[in-house]
PDB file of N, CA and C in Angstrom:
ATOM      1  N   MET A   1      17.926  -8.718  22.052  1.00  0.00           N
ATOM      2  CA  MET A   1      17.478  -8.622  20.585  1.00  0.00           C
ATOM      3  C   MET A   1      17.444  -6.909  20.137  1.00  0.00           C
ATOM      4  N   ILE A   2      17.631  -7.036  18.848  1.00  0.00           N
ATOM      5  CA  ILE A   2      17.218  -5.669  17.872  1.00  0.00           C
ATOM      6  C   ILE A   2      16.382  -5.960  17.060  1.00  0.00           C
ATOM      7  N   GLU A   3      15.697  -4.401  17.062  1.00  0.00           N
ATOM      8  CA  GLU A   3      14.683  -4.131  16.160  1.00  0.00           C
ATOM      9  C   GLU A   3      15.273  -4.710  14.569  1.00  0.00           C
ATOM     10  N   ALA A   4      14.222  -4.724  13.502  1.00  0.00           N
ATOM     11  CA  ALA A   4      14.817  -5.223  12.715  1.00  0.00           C
ATOM     12  C   ALA A   4      15.447  -3.563  11.514  1.00  0.00           C
ATOM     13  N   LYS A   5      14.788  -2.425  11.870  1.00  0.00           N
ATOM     14  CA  LYS A   5      14.971  -1.185  11.751  1.00  0.00           C
ATOM     15  C   LYS A   5      16.551  -0.738  12.097  1.00  0.00           C
ATOM     16  N   GLU A   6      16.893  -0.943  13.205  1.00  0.00           N
ATOM     17  CA  GLU A   6      17.942  -0.787  13.799  1.00  0.00           C
ATOM     18  C   GLU A   6      19.384  -1.615  13.390  1.00  0.00           C
ATOM     19  N   PHE A   7      18.751  -2.794  12.921  1.00  0.00           N
ATOM     20  CA  PHE A   7      19.756  -3.436  12.200  1.00  0.00           C
ATOM     21  C   PHE A   7      20.172  -2.965  10.817  1.00  0.00           C
ATOM     22  N   ASP A   8      19.226  -3.211  10.342  1.00  0.00           N
ATOM     23  CA  ASP A   8      19.365  -2.447   8.649  1.00  0.00           C
ATOM     24  C   ASP A   8      20.159  -1.336   8.891  1.00  0.00           C
ATOM     25  N   GLU A   9      19.751  -0.365   9.530  1.00  0.00           N
ATOM     26  CA  GLU A   9      20.727   0.876   9.832  1.00  0.00           C
ATOM     27  C   GLU A   9      21.861   0.832  10.259  1.00  0.00           C
ATOM     28  N   LYS A  10      22.686  -0.230  10.942  1.00  0.00           N
ATOM     29  CA  LYS A  10      23.789  -0.459  11.665  1.00  0.00           C
ATOM     30  C   LYS A  10      24.342  -1.022  10.289  1.00  0.00           C
ATOM     31  N   PHE A  11      23.921  -1.977   9.306  1.00  0.00           N
ATOM     32  CA  PHE A  11      24.490  -2.388   8.457  1.00  0.00           C
ATOM     33  C   PHE A  11      24.811  -1.311   7.197  1.00  0.00           C
ATOM     34  N   ASP A  12      23.612  -0.652   7.152  1.00  0.00           N
ATOM     35  CA  ASP A  12      23.739   0.327   6.078  1.00  0.00           C
ATOM     36  C   ASP A  12      24.949   1.189   6.429  1.00  0.00           C
ATOM     37  N   ARG A  13      25.293   1.360   8.040  1.00  0.00           N
ATOM     38  CA  ARG A  13      26.581   2.051   8.313  1.00  0.00           C
ATOM     39  C   ARG A  13      27.435   1.281   8.145  1.00  0.00           C
ATOM     40  N   GLY A  14      27.503   0.489   7.839  1.00  0.00           N
ATOM     41  CA  GLY A  14      29.120  -0.722   7.598  1.00  0.00           C
ATOM     42  C   GLY A  14      29.516  -0.737   9.190  1.00  0.00           C
ATOM     43  N   GLU A  15      28.370  -0.988  10.440  1.00  0.00           N
ATOM     44  CA  GLU A  15      28.853  -1.638  11.583  1.00  0.00           C
ATOM     45  C   GLU A  15      28.874  -3.297  11.558  1.00  0.00           C
ATOM     46  N   ASP A  16      29.595  -3.269  12.794  1.00  0.00           N
ATOM     47  CA  ASP A  16      30.095  -4.899  12.847  1.00  0.00           C
ATOM     48  C   ASP A  16      28.349  -5.574  13.359  1.00  0.00           C
ATOM     49  N   ILE A  17      27.635  -6.612  12.234  1.00  0.00           N
ATOM     50  CA  ILE A  17      26.578  -6.982  13.214  1.00  0.00           C
ATOM     51  C   ILE A  17      26.507  -8.166  13.725  1.00  0.00           C
ATOM     52  N   ASP A  18      27.859  -8.822  13.119  1.00  0.00           N
ATOM     53  CA  ASP A  18      28.265 -10.294  13.449  1.00  0.00           C
ATOM     54  C   ASP A  18      27.477 -11.093  15.236  1.00  0.00           C
ATOM     55  N   GLU A  19      27.288  -9.752  16.381  1.00  0.00           N
ATOM     56  CA  GLU A  19      26.695 -10.124  17.490  1.00  0.00           C
ATOM     57  C   GLU A  19      25.055 -10.579  17.433  1.00  0.00           C
ATOM     58  N   TYR A  20      24.402 -10.157  16.082  1.00  0.00           N
ATOM     59  CA  TYR A  20      23.264 -10.254  15.981  1.00  0.00           C
ATOM     60  C   TYR A  20      22.886 -11.584  14.625  1.00  0.00           C
ATOM     61  N   LEU A  21      23.911 -12.376  14.344  1.00  0.00           N
ATOM     62  CA  LEU A  21      23.207 -13.281  13.415  1.00  0.00           C
ATOM     63  C   LEU A  21      23.723 -14.369  13.891  1.00  0.00           C
ATOM     64  N   ASP A  22      22.690 -15.319  13.438  1.00  0.00           N
ATOM     65  CA  ASP A  22      22.924 -16.877  14.038  1.00  0.00           C
ATOM     66  C   ASP A  22      23.531 -17.786  13.204  1.00  0.00           C
ATOM     67  N   LEU A  23      24.713 -17.599  13.407  1.00  0.00           N
ATOM     68  CA  LEU A  23      26.001 -18.334  12.237  1.00  0.00           C
ATOM     69  C   LEU A  23      25.806 -20.053  12.642  1.00  0.00           C
ATOM     70  N   GLU A  24      25.472 -20.527  13.776  1.00  0.00           N
ATOM     71  CA  GLU A  24      25.386 -21.833  13.933  1.00  0.00           C
ATOM     72  C   GLU A  24      24.257 -22.341  13.121  1.00  0.00           C
ATOM     73  N   ASN A  25      23.126 -21.804  13.061  1.00  0.00           N
ATOM     74  CA  ASN A  25      21.824 -22.297  12.569  1.00  0.00           C
ATOM     75  C   ASN A  25      21.117 -21.325  11.440  1.00  0.00           C
ATOM     76  N   PRO A  26      22.357 -21.059  10.481  1.00  0.00           N
ATOM     77  CA  PRO A  26      21.932 -20.438   9.265  1.00  0.00           C
ATOM     78  C   PRO A  26      20.342 -20.769   8.391  1.00  0.00           C
ATOM     79  N   ILE A  27      19.794 -20.016   7.772  1.00  0.00           N
ATOM     80  CA  ILE A  27      19.129 -20.342   6.760  1.00  0.00           C
ATOM     81  C   ILE A  27      19.230 -20.508   5.377  1.00  0.00           C
ATOM     82  N   LEU A  28      19.411 -21.181   4.924  1.00  0.00           N
ATOM     83  CA  LEU A  28      19.686 -21.355   3.247  1.00  0.00           C
ATOM     84  C   LEU A  28      18.725 -21.300   2.572  1.00  0.00           C
ATOM     85  N   LEU A  29      18.716 -20.101   1.673  1.00  0.00           N
ATOM     86  CA  LEU A  29      17.612 -19.882   0.744  1.00  0.00           C
ATOM     87  C   LEU A  29      17.739 -21.270  -0.932  1.00  0.00           C
ATOM     88  N   ASN A  30      18.981 -22.003  -0.188  1.00  0.00           N
ATOM     89  CA  ASN A  30      19.523 -22.848  -1.875  1.00  0.00           C
ATOM     90  C   ASN A  30      18.727 -23.894  -1.108  1.00  0.00           C
ATOM     91  N   ASP A  31      18.484 -24.114  -0.041  1.00  0.00           N
ATOM     92  CA  ASP A  31      17.861 -25.460   0.891  1.00  0.00           C
ATOM     93  C   ASP A  31      16.260 -25.747   0.124  1.00  0.00           C
ATOM     94  N   LEU A  32      16.180 -24.776   0.073  1.00  0.00           N
ATOM     95  CA  LEU A  32      14.427 -24.743  -0.257  1.00  0.00           C
ATOM     96  C   LEU A  32      14.362 -25.274  -1.682  1.00  0.00           C
ATOM     97  N   VAL A  33      12.969 -26.056  -1.600  1.00  0.00           N
ATOM     98  CA  VAL A  33      12.737 -26.583  -2.885  1.00  0.00           C
ATOM     99  C   VAL A  33      12.465 -25.083  -3.954  1.00  0.00           C
ATOM    100  N   SER A  34      13.102 -25.107  -5.207  1.00  0.00           N
ATOM    101  CA  SER A  34      12.789 -24.427  -6.205  1.00  0.00           C
ATOM    102  C   SER A  34      12.025 -24.588  -7.566  1.00  0.00           C
ATOM    103  N   GLU A  35      11.628 -23.232  -7.617  1.00  0.00           N
ATOM    104  CA  GLU A  35      10.570 -23.425  -9.371  1.00  0.00           C
ATOM    105  C   GLU A  35      10.529 -22.243  -9.831  1.00  0.00           C
ATOM    106  N   ASN A  36      10.893 -22.159 -10.902  1.00  0.00           N
ATOM    107  CA  ASN A  36      10.992 -21.046 -11.717  1.00  0.00           C
ATOM    108  C   ASN A  36       9.816 -20.005 -11.992  1.00  0.00           C
ATOM    109  N   VAL A  37      10.009 -18.714 -12.012  1.00  0.00           N
ATOM    110  CA  VAL A  37       8.739 -17.728 -12.398  1.00  0.00           C
ATOM    111  C   VAL A  37       9.794 -16.904 -13.250  1.00  0.00           C
ATOM    112  N   THR A  38       8.762 -15.938 -13.677  1.00  0.00           N
ATOM    113  CA  THR A  38       9.274 -14.822 -14.416  1.00  0.00           C
ATOM    114  C   THR A  38       8.535 -13.551 -14.124  1.00  0.00           C
ATOM    115  N   ILE A  39       9.338 -12.522 -14.322  1.00  0.00           N
ATOM    116  CA  ILE A  39       8.948 -11.141 -13.641  1.00  0.00           C
ATOM    117  C   ILE A  39       9.407 -10.419 -14.452  1.00  0.00           C
ATOM    118  N   THR A  40       8.547  -9.242 -14.887  1.00  0.00           N
ATOM    119  CA  THR A  40       8.932  -7.906 -15.675  1.00  0.00           C
ATOM    120  C   THR A  40       9.312  -7.081 -14.581  1.00  0.00           C
ATOM    121  N   LEU A  41      10.171  -6.596 -15.075  1.00  0.00           N
ATOM    122  CA  LEU A  41      10.706  -5.122 -13.654  1.00  0.00           C
ATOM    123  C   LEU A  41      10.948  -3.792 -14.925  1.00  0.00           C
ATOM    124  N   SER A  42      10.326  -2.707 -14.401  1.00  0.00           N
ATOM    125  CA  SER A  42      10.700  -1.184 -14.833  1.00  0.00           C
ATOM    126  C   SER A  42      12.435  -1.366 -14.540  1.00  0.00           C
ATOM    127  N   GLU A  43      13.107  -0.819 -16.104  1.00  0.00           N
ATOM    128  CA  GLU A  43      14.169  -0.268 -16.064  1.00  0.00           C
ATOM    129  C   GLU A  43      14.898   0.323 -14.748  1.00  0.00           C
ATOM    130  N   ASP A  44      13.977   1.286 -13.936  1.00  0.00           N
ATOM    131  CA  ASP A  44      14.531   1.936 -12.884  1.00  0.00           C
ATOM    132  C   ASP A  44      14.900   0.688 -11.436  1.00  0.00           C
ATOM    133  N   LEU A  45      13.613   0.239 -11.291  1.00  0.00           N
ATOM    134  CA  LEU A  45      13.744  -1.267 -10.522  1.00  0.00           C
ATOM    135  C   LEU A  45      14.704  -2.090 -10.778  1.00  0.00           C
ATOM    136  N   LYS A  46      14.812  -2.396 -11.857  1.00  0.00           N
ATOM    137  CA  LYS A  46      15.909  -3.109 -12.288  1.00  0.00           C
ATOM    138  C   LYS A  46      17.628  -2.953 -11.415  1.00  0.00           C
ATOM    139  N   ASN A  47      17.978  -1.547 -12.121  1.00  0.00           N
ATOM    140  CA  ASN A  47      19.063  -0.869 -12.044  1.00  0.00           C
ATOM    141  C   ASN A  47      18.830  -1.034 -10.502  1.00  0.00           C
ATOM    142  N   ARG A  48      18.100  -0.420  -9.663  1.00  0.00           N
ATOM    143  CA  ARG A  48      17.996  -0.240  -8.292  1.00  0.00           C
ATOM    144  C   ARG A  48      18.634  -1.451  -7.469  1.00  0.00           C
ATOM    145  N   LEU A  49      17.958  -2.706  -8.191  1.00  0.00           N
ATOM    146  CA  LEU A  49      18.363  -3.919  -7.460  1.00  0.00           C
ATOM    147  C   LEU A  49      19.523  -4.559  -7.893  1.00  0.00           C
ATOM    148  N   LEU A  50      19.960  -4.375  -8.814  1.00  0.00           N
ATOM    149  CA  LEU A  50      21.453  -4.813  -9.545  1.00  0.00           C
ATOM    150  C   LEU A  50      22.586  -3.456  -8.484  1.00  0.00           C
ATOM    151  N   LYS A  51      22.273  -2.940  -8.396  1.00  0.00           N
ATOM    152  CA  LYS A  51      23.037  -1.719  -7.256  1.00  0.00           C
ATOM    153  C   LYS A  51      22.726  -2.285  -5.759  1.00  0.00           C
ATOM    154  N   PHE A  52      21.731  -2.680  -5.428  1.00  0.00           N
ATOM    155  CA  PHE A  52      21.746  -3.017  -4.392  1.00  0.00           C
ATOM    156  C   PHE A  52      22.087  -4.310  -3.994  1.00  0.00           C
ATOM    157  N   SER A  53      22.600  -5.195  -4.781  1.00  0.00           N
ATOM    158  CA  SER A  53      22.932  -6.620  -5.257  1.00  0.00           C
ATOM    159  C   SER A  53      24.670  -6.360  -5.195  1.00  0.00           C
ATOM    160  N   LYS A  54      25.247  -5.234  -5.870  1.00  0.00           N
ATOM    161  CA  LYS A  54      26.411  -4.993  -5.714  1.00  0.00           C
ATOM    162  C   LYS A  54      26.717  -4.533  -4.707  1.00  0.00           C
ATOM    163  N   LYS A  55      26.061  -3.627  -3.613  1.00  0.00           N
ATOM    164  CA  LYS A  55      26.510  -3.204  -2.549  1.00  0.00           C
ATOM    165  C   LYS A  55      26.322  -4.729  -1.402  1.00  0.00           C
ATOM    166  N   LEU A  56      25.633  -5.564  -1.648  1.00  0.00           N
ATOM    167  CA  LEU A  56      25.479  -7.001  -0.538  1.00  0.00           C
ATOM    168  C   LEU A  56      26.143  -7.888  -1.156  1.00  0.00           C
ATOM    169  N   ASN A  57      27.015  -7.731  -2.363  1.00  0.00           N
ATOM    170  CA  ASN A  57      28.394  -8.625  -2.673  1.00  0.00           C
ATOM    171  C   ASN A  57      27.496 -10.025  -3.166  1.00  0.00           C
ATOM    172  N   LEU A  58      26.058  -9.873  -3.484  1.00  0.00           N
ATOM    173  CA  LEU A  58      25.713 -11.274  -4.113  1.00  0.00           C
ATOM    174  C   LEU A  58      25.002 -11.021  -5.415  1.00  0.00           C
ATOM    175  N   SER A  59      24.565 -12.167  -6.208  1.00  0.00           N
ATOM    176  CA  SER A  59      24.409 -12.099  -7.573  1.00  0.00           C
ATOM    177  C   SER A  59      23.258 -11.125  -7.356  1.00  0.00           C
ATOM    178  N   PHE A  60      22.339 -10.771  -8.509  1.00  0.00           N
ATOM    179  CA  PHE A  60      20.952 -10.280  -8.897  1.00  0.00           C
ATOM    180  C   PHE A  60      19.910 -11.153  -7.951  1.00  0.00           C
ATOM    181  N   GLU A  61      20.208 -12.263  -9.037  1.00  0.00           N
ATOM    182  CA  GLU A  61      18.953 -13.374  -8.283  1.00  0.00           C
ATOM    183  C   GLU A  61      19.322 -13.770  -6.822  1.00  0.00           C
ATOM    184  N   ASP A  62      20.100 -13.847  -6.587  1.00  0.00           N
ATOM    185  CA  ASP A  62      20.145 -14.167  -4.713  1.00  0.00           C
ATOM    186  C   ASP A  62      19.378 -12.655  -3.851  1.00  0.00           C
ATOM    187  N   THR A  63      20.204 -11.928  -4.308  1.00  0.00           N
ATOM    188  CA  THR A  63      19.467 -10.183  -3.764  1.00  0.00           C
ATOM    189  C   THR A  63      17.689 -10.589  -4.205  1.00  0.00           C
ATOM    190  N   ILE A  64      17.235 -10.986  -5.283  1.00  0.00           N
ATOM    191  CA  ILE A  64      15.811 -10.968  -5.131  1.00  0.00           C
ATOM    192  C   ILE A  64      15.096 -12.145  -4.231  1.00  0.00           C
ATOM    193  N   LYS A  65      16.055 -13.019  -4.082  1.00  0.00           N
ATOM    194  CA  LYS A  65      15.475 -13.785  -3.424  1.00  0.00           C
ATOM    195  C   LYS A  65      15.623 -13.858  -1.917  1.00  0.00           C
ATOM    196  N   ALA A  66      16.552 -13.337  -1.629  1.00  0.00           N
ATOM    197  CA  ALA A  66      16.522 -12.629  -0.388  1.00  0.00           C
ATOM    198  C   ALA A  66      15.262 -11.826  -0.163  1.00  0.00           C
ATOM    199  N   ILE A  67      15.266 -10.965  -0.295  1.00  0.00           N
ATOM    200  CA  ILE A  67      14.125  -9.661  -0.367  1.00  0.00           C
ATOM    201  C   ILE A  67      13.087 -10.571  -0.343  1.00  0.00           C
ATOM    202  N   LEU A  68      12.587 -11.210  -1.481  1.00  0.00           N
ATOM    203  CA  LEU A  68      11.674 -11.679  -1.239  1.00  0.00           C
ATOM    204  C   LEU A  68      11.366 -12.791  -0.017  1.00  0.00           C
ATOM    205  N   ALA A  69      11.925 -13.545  -0.062  1.00  0.00           N
ATOM    206  CA  ALA A  69      11.906 -14.162   1.654  1.00  0.00           C
ATOM    207  C   ALA A  69      11.834 -13.418   2.777  1.00  0.00           C
ATOM    208  N   LYS A  70      12.578 -12.384   2.956  1.00  0.00           N
ATOM    209  CA  LYS A  70      12.275 -11.584   4.009  1.00  0.00           C
ATOM    210  C   LYS A  70      11.307 -11.097   3.859  1.00  0.00           C
ATOM    211  N   GLU A  71      10.678 -10.571   3.064  1.00  0.00           N
ATOM    212  CA  GLU A  71       9.234  -9.929   3.194  1.00  0.00           C
ATOM    213  C   GLU A  71       8.058 -11.278   3.196  1.00  0.00           C
ATOM    214  N   VAL A  72       8.171 -12.061   3.063  1.00  0.00           N
ATOM    215  CA  VAL A  72       6.958 -13.139   3.317  1.00  0.00           C
ATOM    216  C   VAL A  72       7.218 -13.768   4.605  1.00  0.00           C
ATOM    217  N   GLY A  73       8.347 -13.369   5.079  1.00  0.00           N
ATOM    218  CA  GLY A  73       8.192 -13.844   6.527  1.00  0.00           C
ATOM    219  C   GLY A  73       9.408 -15.252   6.719  1.00  0.00           C
ATOM    220  N   LEU A  74       9.953 -15.647   5.453  1.00  0.00           N
ATOM    221  CA  LEU A  74      10.801 -17.046   5.582  1.00  0.00           C
ATOM    222  C   LEU A  74      12.124 -16.830   6.319  1.00  0.00           C
ATOM    223  N   ILE A  75      12.999 -15.603   6.701  1.00  0.00           N
ATOM    224  CA  ILE A  75      13.823 -15.174   7.189  1.00  0.00           C
ATOM    225  C   ILE A  75      13.592 -13.977   7.965  1.00  0.00           C
TER     226      ILE A  75
END
């Protein structure tokens, strides 16, 4: 088992993290029931999220969904 902080540090350094992923039982955010919400972001936060989404190779929307899901314990 690996702590989240260590996992994040390995990911940020570009290290191989495959051994820590459960690829046979993924949690797919698209499988959850969806509902539209509107939020207002500061320009700085929006730009940071855009940069982060490019780093993760995710869409802006998927990045926000993943961050929120992680923070509330869905993933």
